[in-house]
N, C-alpha and C. Protein backbone atom coordinates (compact mmCIF):
# COMPACT_ATOMS: atom_id res chain seq x y z
N MET A 1 0.69 -1.12 -0.03
CA MET A 1 -0.10 0.15 -0.03
C MET A 1 0.86 1.28 -0.08
N ASN A 2 0.35 2.15 -0.72
CA ASN A 2 1.17 3.35 -0.66
C ASN A 2 1.16 4.15 0.64
N THR A 3 2.12 4.46 1.30
CA THR A 3 2.39 4.98 2.41
C THR A 3 1.85 6.36 2.79
N ARG A 4 1.65 7.10 1.62
CA ARG A 4 0.87 8.45 1.58
C ARG A 4 -0.43 8.45 2.07
N TYR A 5 -1.25 7.46 1.64
CA TYR A 5 -2.56 7.14 2.04
C TYR A 5 -2.97 5.95 2.98
N GLU A 6 -1.96 5.71 3.95
CA GLU A 6 -1.94 4.82 4.87
C GLU A 6 -3.04 5.30 6.03
N GLY A 7 -2.83 6.54 6.28
CA GLY A 7 -3.70 7.00 7.45
C GLY A 7 -5.26 7.13 7.01
N LYS A 8 -5.35 7.62 5.66
CA LYS A 8 -6.64 7.61 5.07
C LYS A 8 -7.18 6.46 4.98
N ALA A 9 -6.65 5.24 4.85
CA ALA A 9 -7.09 3.87 4.84
C ALA A 9 -7.61 3.39 6.23
N ILE A 10 -6.84 3.57 7.29
CA ILE A 10 -7.29 3.29 8.77
C ILE A 10 -8.36 4.07 8.98
N THR A 11 -8.58 5.35 8.61
CA THR A 11 -9.67 6.24 9.01
C THR A 11 -10.90 5.49 8.22
N GLN A 12 -10.75 5.19 6.99
CA GLN A 12 -11.75 4.83 6.27
C GLN A 12 -12.30 3.25 6.69
N MET A 13 -11.39 2.56 7.23
CA MET A 13 -11.80 1.02 7.64
C MET A 13 -12.59 1.30 8.96
N CYS A 14 -12.15 2.23 9.97
CA CYS A 14 -12.64 2.15 11.18
C CYS A 14 -13.96 3.15 10.90
N LYS A 15 -14.10 3.87 9.95
CA LYS A 15 -15.54 4.65 9.76
C LYS A 15 -16.49 3.42 9.25
N MET A 16 -16.27 2.54 8.21
CA MET A 16 -16.78 1.49 8.07
C MET A 16 -17.12 0.49 9.18
N MET A 17 -16.46 0.11 9.66
CA MET A 17 -16.92 -0.59 10.80
C MET A 17 -17.76 -0.11 11.74
N ALA A 18 -17.41 1.15 12.22
CA ALA A 18 -18.20 1.73 13.11
C ALA A 18 -19.77 2.02 12.83
N SER A 19 -19.82 2.26 11.39
CA SER A 19 -21.00 2.43 11.08
C SER A 19 -21.87 1.37 10.82
N VAL A 20 -21.24 0.07 10.76
CA VAL A 20 -21.82 -1.28 10.69
C VAL A 20 -22.18 -1.69 12.24
N GLY A 21 -21.46 -1.25 13.21
CA GLY A 21 -21.69 -1.37 14.51
C GLY A 21 -22.78 -0.61 15.01
N LEU A 22 -23.02 0.74 14.57
CA LEU A 22 -24.08 1.63 14.89
C LEU A 22 -25.44 1.09 14.06
N ILE A 23 -25.39 0.61 13.13
CA ILE A 23 -26.71 0.17 12.55
C ILE A 23 -27.16 -1.29 13.28
N VAL A 24 -26.16 -1.96 13.72
CA VAL A 24 -26.65 -3.26 14.37
C VAL A 24 -27.10 -2.76 15.83
N GLY A 25 -26.36 -2.13 16.53
CA GLY A 25 -26.76 -1.35 17.81
C GLY A 25 -28.14 -0.84 17.50
N LEU A 26 -28.26 -0.07 16.61
CA LEU A 26 -29.70 0.67 16.46
C LEU A 26 -30.74 -0.19 16.21
N ALA A 27 -30.45 -1.32 15.43
CA ALA A 27 -31.54 -2.26 15.21
C ALA A 27 -31.96 -3.07 16.29
N LEU A 28 -31.01 -3.46 17.28
CA LEU A 28 -31.39 -4.03 18.46
C LEU A 28 -31.84 -3.32 19.66
N PHE A 29 -31.61 -1.99 19.48
CA PHE A 29 -32.36 -0.95 20.23
C PHE A 29 -33.48 -0.95 20.05
N LEU A 30 -34.06 -0.94 18.59
CA LEU A 30 -35.56 -0.72 18.46
C LEU A 30 -36.13 -2.04 18.47
N LEU A 31 -35.48 -3.13 18.58
CA LEU A 31 -36.07 -4.43 18.66
C LEU A 31 -36.33 -4.72 20.00
N SER A 32 -35.41 -3.95 20.88
CA SER A 32 -35.77 -4.23 22.30
C SER A 32 -37.10 -3.58 22.78
N PHE A 33 -37.59 -2.70 22.16
CA PHE A 33 -38.86 -2.13 22.56
C PHE A 33 -40.07 -2.96 21.96
N ILE A 34 -39.81 -3.64 20.92
CA ILE A 34 -40.90 -4.42 20.21
C ILE A 34 -40.94 -6.09 21.06
N ALA A 35 -39.87 -6.59 21.37
CA ALA A 35 -39.87 -7.69 22.13
C ALA A 35 -39.70 -7.69 23.69
N ASN A 36 -41.12 -7.27 24.03
CA ASN A 36 -41.19 -6.81 25.28
C ASN A 36 -41.11 -8.04 26.22
N ASN A 37 -41.67 -9.23 25.81
CA ASN A 37 -41.64 -10.40 26.76
C ASN A 37 -39.97 -11.03 26.91
N TYR A 38 -39.29 -10.94 25.86
CA TYR A 38 -38.00 -11.40 25.83
C TYR A 38 -36.98 -10.46 26.65
N ASN A 39 -37.52 -9.27 26.74
CA ASN A 39 -36.54 -8.20 27.23
C ASN A 39 -36.97 -7.74 28.59
N LYS A 40 -37.21 -8.64 29.56
CA LYS A 40 -37.72 -8.34 30.91
C LYS A 40 -36.59 -7.61 31.69
N ASP A 41 -35.49 -8.11 31.65
CA ASP A 41 -34.38 -7.56 32.36
C ASP A 41 -33.44 -6.53 31.37
N PHE A 42 -34.23 -6.01 30.30
CA PHE A 42 -33.49 -5.05 29.55
C PHE A 42 -32.20 -5.54 28.95
N PHE A 43 -32.26 -6.67 28.84
CA PHE A 43 -30.89 -7.23 28.14
C PHE A 43 -30.59 -6.85 26.81
N LEU A 44 -31.61 -6.71 25.94
CA LEU A 44 -31.38 -6.20 24.37
C LEU A 44 -30.87 -5.03 24.68
N THR A 45 -31.39 -4.02 25.43
CA THR A 45 -31.08 -2.78 25.55
C THR A 45 -29.68 -2.24 26.04
N ILE A 46 -29.42 -3.15 26.84
CA ILE A 46 -27.86 -3.19 27.41
C ILE A 46 -26.88 -3.48 26.52
N ILE A 47 -27.06 -4.64 25.78
CA ILE A 47 -26.30 -5.25 24.66
C ILE A 47 -26.18 -4.22 23.61
N SER A 48 -27.37 -3.44 23.19
CA SER A 48 -27.20 -2.53 21.86
C SER A 48 -26.66 -1.34 22.55
N LEU A 49 -26.95 -0.86 23.78
CA LEU A 49 -26.42 0.41 24.02
C LEU A 49 -24.49 0.23 24.07
N GLY A 50 -24.27 -1.22 24.49
CA GLY A 50 -22.80 -1.36 24.44
C GLY A 50 -22.29 -1.55 23.34
N ILE A 51 -22.87 -1.96 22.10
CA ILE A 51 -22.51 -2.18 20.68
C ILE A 51 -22.27 -0.84 20.28
N MET A 52 -23.23 0.00 20.47
CA MET A 52 -23.19 1.45 19.77
C MET A 52 -22.24 2.19 20.67
N GLY A 53 -21.82 2.14 21.95
CA GLY A 53 -20.80 2.71 22.52
C GLY A 53 -19.25 2.24 22.12
N SER A 54 -19.16 0.88 21.93
CA SER A 54 -17.94 0.50 21.46
C SER A 54 -17.76 0.76 20.04
N SER A 55 -18.76 1.01 19.38
CA SER A 55 -18.47 1.42 17.90
C SER A 55 -18.21 2.71 17.98
N MET A 56 -18.57 3.87 18.73
CA MET A 56 -18.27 5.12 18.77
C MET A 56 -16.78 5.20 19.21
N PHE A 57 -16.47 4.54 20.15
CA PHE A 57 -15.16 4.47 20.69
C PHE A 57 -14.22 4.13 19.70
N MET A 58 -14.62 3.00 18.92
CA MET A 58 -13.59 2.70 17.94
C MET A 58 -13.23 3.62 16.77
N PHE A 59 -14.46 4.23 16.35
CA PHE A 59 -14.31 5.25 15.40
C PHE A 59 -13.47 6.21 16.02
N GLY A 60 -13.73 6.86 17.06
CA GLY A 60 -12.78 8.06 17.66
C GLY A 60 -11.30 7.47 17.63
N PHE A 61 -11.06 6.16 18.22
CA PHE A 61 -9.67 5.60 18.27
C PHE A 61 -9.00 5.65 16.85
N GLY A 62 -9.86 5.28 15.93
CA GLY A 62 -9.33 4.98 14.51
C GLY A 62 -9.18 5.99 13.71
N THR A 63 -9.85 7.13 14.16
CA THR A 63 -9.75 8.51 13.58
C THR A 63 -8.26 9.16 13.99
N PHE A 64 -8.18 8.91 15.53
CA PHE A 64 -7.09 9.17 16.01
C PHE A 64 -5.66 8.73 15.39
N MET A 65 -5.91 7.31 15.17
CA MET A 65 -4.78 6.59 14.60
C MET A 65 -4.40 7.16 13.22
N GLY A 66 -5.32 7.33 12.38
CA GLY A 66 -5.13 7.89 11.39
C GLY A 66 -4.60 9.20 11.04
N ILE A 67 -5.14 10.14 11.86
CA ILE A 67 -4.62 11.48 12.09
C ILE A 67 -3.09 11.32 12.43
N LEU A 68 -2.87 10.54 13.25
CA LEU A 68 -1.45 10.39 13.97
C LEU A 68 -0.58 9.81 13.00
N THR A 69 -0.90 8.91 12.15
CA THR A 69 -0.23 8.28 11.41
C THR A 69 0.28 9.33 9.95
N ASP A 70 -0.78 9.99 9.61
CA ASP A 70 -0.64 11.24 8.74
C ASP A 70 0.43 12.15 9.33
N THR A 71 0.31 12.50 10.38
CA THR A 71 1.32 13.54 10.91
C THR A 71 2.72 12.87 11.18
N PHE A 72 2.74 11.81 11.33
CA PHE A 72 3.89 11.27 11.61
C PHE A 72 4.62 11.22 10.35
N GLN A 73 3.95 10.87 9.41
CA GLN A 73 4.57 10.48 8.04
C GLN A 73 4.97 11.96 7.29
N LYS A 74 4.30 13.02 7.68
CA LYS A 74 4.55 14.24 7.03
C LYS A 74 5.68 14.76 7.89
N GLY A 75 5.93 14.57 9.06
CA GLY A 75 6.95 15.20 9.76
C GLY A 75 8.48 14.29 9.54
N GLU A 76 8.00 12.95 8.98
CA GLU A 76 9.27 12.15 8.80
C GLU A 76 9.83 12.77 7.43
N ALA A 77 9.04 13.16 6.61
CA ALA A 77 9.38 13.51 5.19
C ALA A 77 10.14 14.62 5.00
N LYS A 78 10.24 15.57 5.97
CA LYS A 78 10.92 16.54 5.98
C LYS A 78 12.42 16.49 6.17
N PRO A 79 13.34 17.07 5.38
CA PRO A 79 14.77 16.87 5.36
C PRO A 79 15.32 17.74 6.61
């Protein structure tokens, strides 16, 4: 892979993974309101909020790593 676009690739990958996690978490969160009999202890709600929270954390960490990689490479290229 071209080192020039490595940080952008990391950011794009984390963005896609986080969006899939947010969609799955939102679907489970909406399902938790429909499935009242199964969700007596709010199990689905807790799981869905955990998935959405971890997706947001992963997006923030991936964005930070992408920016850090780009900044490191730009600083390294200067003579």
